[in-house]
């Protein structure tokens, strides 16, 4: 404690710098912005105390940029204009390429998913979730009567702090337009987010009734 009391200013400066560097290593866009903002606030305080005013000005500007980006990202999380859901063929070349590129990451969260099973039945349907010209997620379902069984619900690392798949289930209207009224999640999905968006837990599945 004595050492910390004597060197707290150094700890503040080095801690802020370390957090700033650490934020640049983040792949998730929202997490990067939040950590970068916290680092900037620490460095604003540090540079003010040591009276390095050019750095104070710089970090204030960076903090404002981060704050604006965070507000924009949070607002767009539930903005239909920010995302678009596109239906695609299960054997589409771009879909196959996307699944191949992200195969290792997909296996981490849905170890039971088999990409070769897509399109092998008449009820198989696939959707791309777009943010501008970037594909941020892929959803694959199996239609059975009025029920959509989720075979794949994947979000890229950059947008994993959000839930783009929600636009398929609750906001796009695509499933209701297809005569589907019930959605069932896959079992044993790692980090399942369905409980946060209105799905009810039933055994090892989550279930949503569409209205």
Protein backbone atom coordinates (compact mmCIF):
# COMPACT_ATOMS: atom_id res chain seq x y z
CA UNK A 1 0.00 0.00 0.00
CA UNK A 2 2.87 2.38 0.76
CA UNK A 3 4.39 1.82 -2.68
CA UNK A 4 1.02 2.34 -4.34
CA UNK A 5 0.45 5.57 -2.41
CA UNK A 6 3.82 6.86 -3.58
CA UNK A 7 3.51 5.78 -7.20
CA UNK A 8 -0.24 6.05 -7.85
CA UNK A 9 0.30 8.60 -10.61
CA UNK A 10 2.62 6.24 -12.47
CA UNK A 11 0.11 3.42 -12.02
CA UNK A 12 -2.63 5.65 -13.44
CA UNK A 13 -0.56 6.57 -16.51
CA UNK A 14 0.75 3.10 -17.23
CA UNK A 15 -2.63 1.51 -16.49
CA UNK A 16 -4.40 3.83 -18.91
CA UNK A 17 -1.78 3.19 -21.57
CA UNK A 18 -2.01 -0.59 -21.10
CA UNK A 19 -5.80 -0.50 -21.34
CA UNK A 20 -5.57 1.63 -24.49
CA UNK A 21 -3.29 -0.96 -26.12
CA UNK A 22 -5.49 -3.80 -24.89
CA UNK A 23 -8.56 -2.21 -26.43
CA UNK A 24 -6.90 -2.28 -29.85
CA UNK A 25 -6.64 -6.07 -29.59
CA UNK A 26 -10.40 -6.50 -29.27
CA UNK A 27 -12.28 -8.00 -32.20
CA UNK A 28 -15.73 -7.01 -30.91
CA UNK A 29 -16.56 -3.52 -32.07
CA UNK A 30 -18.60 -2.45 -29.00
CA UNK A 31 -16.13 -3.89 -26.49
CA UNK A 32 -13.30 -2.09 -28.30
CA UNK A 33 -15.11 1.24 -28.06
CA UNK A 34 -15.99 0.83 -24.37
CA UNK A 35 -12.46 -0.17 -23.31
CA UNK A 36 -10.94 2.56 -25.45
CA UNK A 37 -13.25 5.13 -23.86
CA UNK A 38 -12.29 4.03 -20.32
CA UNK A 39 -8.59 4.19 -21.27
CA UNK A 40 -9.05 7.71 -22.67
CA UNK A 41 -10.74 8.89 -19.48
CA UNK A 42 -7.85 7.56 -17.38
CA UNK A 43 -5.32 9.25 -19.64
CA UNK A 44 -7.25 12.53 -19.59
CA UNK A 45 -6.94 12.50 -15.80
CA UNK A 46 -3.26 11.50 -15.90
CA UNK A 47 -2.24 14.07 -18.50
CA UNK A 48 -4.17 16.79 -16.67
CA UNK A 49 -2.33 16.02 -13.45
CA UNK A 50 1.09 16.14 -15.15
CA UNK A 51 -0.06 19.12 -17.23
CA UNK A 52 0.65 17.69 -20.68
CA UNK A 53 -2.10 19.70 -22.34
CA UNK A 54 -1.66 18.55 -25.96
CA UNK A 55 -2.26 14.97 -24.80
CA UNK A 56 -5.25 16.12 -22.77
CA UNK A 57 -6.74 17.63 -25.93
CA UNK A 58 -6.01 14.51 -27.96
CA UNK A 59 -7.53 12.08 -25.46
CA UNK A 60 -10.61 14.30 -25.00
CA UNK A 61 -11.21 14.14 -28.76
CA UNK A 62 -10.72 10.36 -28.78
CA UNK A 63 -13.10 9.98 -25.85
CA UNK A 64 -15.77 11.99 -27.65
CA UNK A 65 -15.33 9.89 -30.81
CA UNK A 66 -15.68 6.69 -28.76
CA UNK A 67 -18.74 8.02 -26.93
CA UNK A 68 -20.41 8.96 -30.22
CA UNK A 69 -19.64 5.52 -31.67
CA UNK A 70 -21.01 3.71 -28.60
CA UNK A 71 -24.26 5.71 -28.67
CA UNK A 72 -24.63 5.01 -32.40
CA UNK A 73 -24.00 1.27 -32.00
CA UNK A 74 -26.47 0.93 -29.12
CA UNK A 75 -29.14 2.88 -31.01
CA UNK A 76 -28.68 0.74 -34.11
CA UNK A 77 -28.94 -2.48 -32.10
CA UNK A 78 -32.73 -2.39 -32.47
CA UNK A 79 -32.96 -0.22 -35.58
CA UNK A 80 -34.50 -2.03 -38.53
CA UNK A 81 -32.68 0.36 -40.87
CA UNK A 82 -29.29 -0.83 -39.60
CA UNK A 83 -29.79 -4.52 -40.45
CA UNK A 84 -31.34 -6.39 -43.33
CA UNK A 85 -32.30 -10.06 -43.48
CA UNK A 86 -31.81 -11.70 -46.87
CA UNK A 87 -33.13 -15.14 -47.71
CA UNK A 88 -30.61 -17.21 -49.64
CA UNK A 89 -30.53 -20.68 -51.13
CA UNK A 90 -29.02 -23.37 -48.86
CA UNK A 91 -26.57 -24.31 -51.65
CA UNK A 92 -25.60 -20.69 -52.40
CA UNK A 93 -21.87 -20.34 -53.19
CA UNK A 94 -21.42 -17.27 -50.99
CA UNK A 95 -23.12 -19.02 -48.05
CA UNK A 96 -20.85 -22.03 -48.48
CA UNK A 97 -17.80 -19.75 -48.55
CA UNK A 98 -18.93 -17.86 -45.43
CA UNK A 99 -19.48 -21.07 -43.49
CA UNK A 100 -16.09 -22.40 -44.56
CA UNK A 101 -14.27 -19.21 -43.51
CA UNK A 102 -15.94 -19.21 -40.09
CA UNK A 103 -16.05 -22.99 -39.61
CA UNK A 104 -13.74 -23.10 -36.56
CA UNK A 105 -15.60 -20.30 -34.78
CA UNK A 106 -18.99 -21.84 -35.57
CA UNK A 107 -17.82 -25.16 -34.10
CA UNK A 108 -17.00 -23.41 -30.80
CA UNK A 109 -20.60 -22.30 -30.27
CA UNK A 110 -22.56 -25.01 -32.09
CA UNK A 111 -20.39 -28.13 -32.03
CA UNK A 112 -23.25 -30.26 -33.37
CA UNK A 113 -23.77 -28.25 -36.54
CA UNK A 114 -22.96 -30.05 -39.79
CA UNK A 115 -22.67 -27.66 -42.78
CA UNK A 116 -23.06 -30.56 -45.22
CA UNK A 117 -26.62 -31.08 -43.93
CA UNK A 118 -27.81 -27.73 -45.27
CA UNK A 119 -30.20 -28.18 -48.16
CA UNK A 120 -30.52 -31.94 -47.80
CA UNK A 121 -34.23 -31.61 -46.94
CA UNK A 122 -37.04 -29.58 -48.49
CA UNK A 123 -37.62 -27.67 -45.26
CA UNK A 124 -34.11 -26.25 -45.00
CA UNK A 125 -33.93 -22.44 -45.28
CA UNK A 126 -31.00 -20.04 -44.89
CA UNK A 127 -30.81 -16.31 -44.17
CA UNK A 128 -27.99 -13.78 -44.20
CA UNK A 129 -28.06 -10.89 -41.73
CA UNK A 130 -26.47 -7.82 -43.32
CA UNK A 131 -25.24 -4.55 -41.86
CA UNK A 132 -24.63 -2.43 -44.91
CA UNK A 133 -22.39 -4.47 -47.21
CA UNK A 134 -21.09 -6.66 -44.37
CA UNK A 135 -22.51 -10.08 -43.48
CA UNK A 136 -22.71 -10.11 -39.67
CA UNK A 137 -24.66 -13.32 -39.19
CA UNK A 138 -26.13 -16.45 -40.74
CA UNK A 139 -29.26 -18.32 -39.71
CA UNK A 140 -30.30 -21.75 -40.96
CA UNK A 141 -33.66 -23.26 -40.02
CA UNK A 142 -35.53 -26.47 -40.70
CA UNK A 143 -39.25 -26.01 -41.26
CA UNK A 144 -41.50 -28.67 -39.76
CA UNK A 145 -45.18 -27.81 -39.94
CA UNK A 146 -45.59 -24.43 -38.27
CA UNK A 147 -42.28 -24.76 -36.39
CA UNK A 148 -38.85 -23.45 -37.33
CA UNK A 149 -36.06 -25.53 -35.81
CA UNK A 150 -32.85 -23.52 -35.64
CA UNK A 151 -29.94 -25.45 -37.13
CA UNK A 152 -27.47 -22.55 -37.09
CA UNK A 153 -27.51 -19.12 -35.50
CA UNK A 154 -24.08 -17.56 -35.95
CA UNK A 155 -22.84 -14.00 -35.42
CA UNK A 156 -19.37 -12.83 -36.44
CA UNK A 157 -16.96 -11.78 -33.70
CA UNK A 158 -17.23 -8.06 -34.44
CA UNK A 159 -20.95 -8.03 -33.67
CA UNK A 160 -21.16 -10.68 -30.97
CA UNK A 161 -22.04 -8.04 -28.36
CA UNK A 162 -25.32 -7.64 -30.27
CA UNK A 163 -28.00 -10.12 -31.39
CA UNK A 164 -28.45 -9.76 -35.16
CA UNK A 165 -30.33 -13.06 -35.22
CA UNK A 166 -33.15 -11.33 -33.36
CA UNK A 167 -34.05 -9.58 -36.62
CA UNK A 168 -34.86 -12.97 -38.13
CA UNK A 169 -36.88 -14.23 -35.15
CA UNK A 170 -38.76 -11.16 -33.99
CA UNK A 171 -38.42 -8.18 -36.32
CA UNK A 172 -38.10 -9.15 -39.98
CA UNK A 173 -41.51 -10.85 -40.28
CA UNK A 174 -39.98 -13.43 -42.62
CA UNK A 175 -41.00 -16.45 -40.55
CA UNK A 176 -44.58 -15.30 -40.04
CA UNK A 177 -44.82 -14.66 -43.78
CA UNK A 178 -43.83 -18.29 -44.32
CA UNK A 179 -46.67 -19.47 -42.05
CA UNK A 180 -44.39 -20.29 -39.12
CA UNK A 181 -45.58 -19.54 -35.59
CA UNK A 182 -43.00 -21.26 -33.40
CA UNK A 183 -39.20 -21.20 -33.19
CA UNK A 184 -37.13 -23.84 -31.34
CA UNK A 185 -33.44 -23.37 -30.58
CA UNK A 186 -30.80 -26.09 -31.00
CA UNK A 187 -29.70 -27.98 -27.87
CA UNK A 188 -26.31 -27.48 -26.22
CA UNK A 189 -25.64 -24.13 -27.88
CA UNK A 190 -22.75 -22.36 -26.15
CA UNK A 191 -23.58 -18.84 -24.93
CA UNK A 192 -27.22 -18.98 -26.02
CA UNK A 193 -28.81 -15.52 -25.90
CA UNK A 194 -32.43 -16.53 -26.50
CA UNK A 195 -33.61 -15.92 -22.94
CA UNK A 196 -32.76 -12.22 -23.36
CA UNK A 197 -35.04 -11.74 -26.39
CA UNK A 198 -38.26 -13.42 -25.29
CA UNK A 199 -37.64 -17.15 -25.79
CA UNK A 200 -38.89 -19.43 -23.00
CA UNK A 201 -36.72 -22.26 -21.66
CA UNK A 202 -38.11 -25.77 -22.24
CA UNK A 203 -35.66 -28.47 -21.18
CA UNK A 204 -32.48 -28.10 -23.22
CA UNK A 205 -34.22 -25.86 -25.79
CA UNK A 206 -35.53 -22.30 -25.97
CA UNK A 207 -38.92 -21.76 -27.61
CA UNK A 208 -40.48 -18.60 -29.07
CA UNK A 209 -44.12 -18.21 -30.09
CA UNK A 210 -44.38 -15.74 -32.97
CA UNK A 211 -47.13 -13.11 -32.90
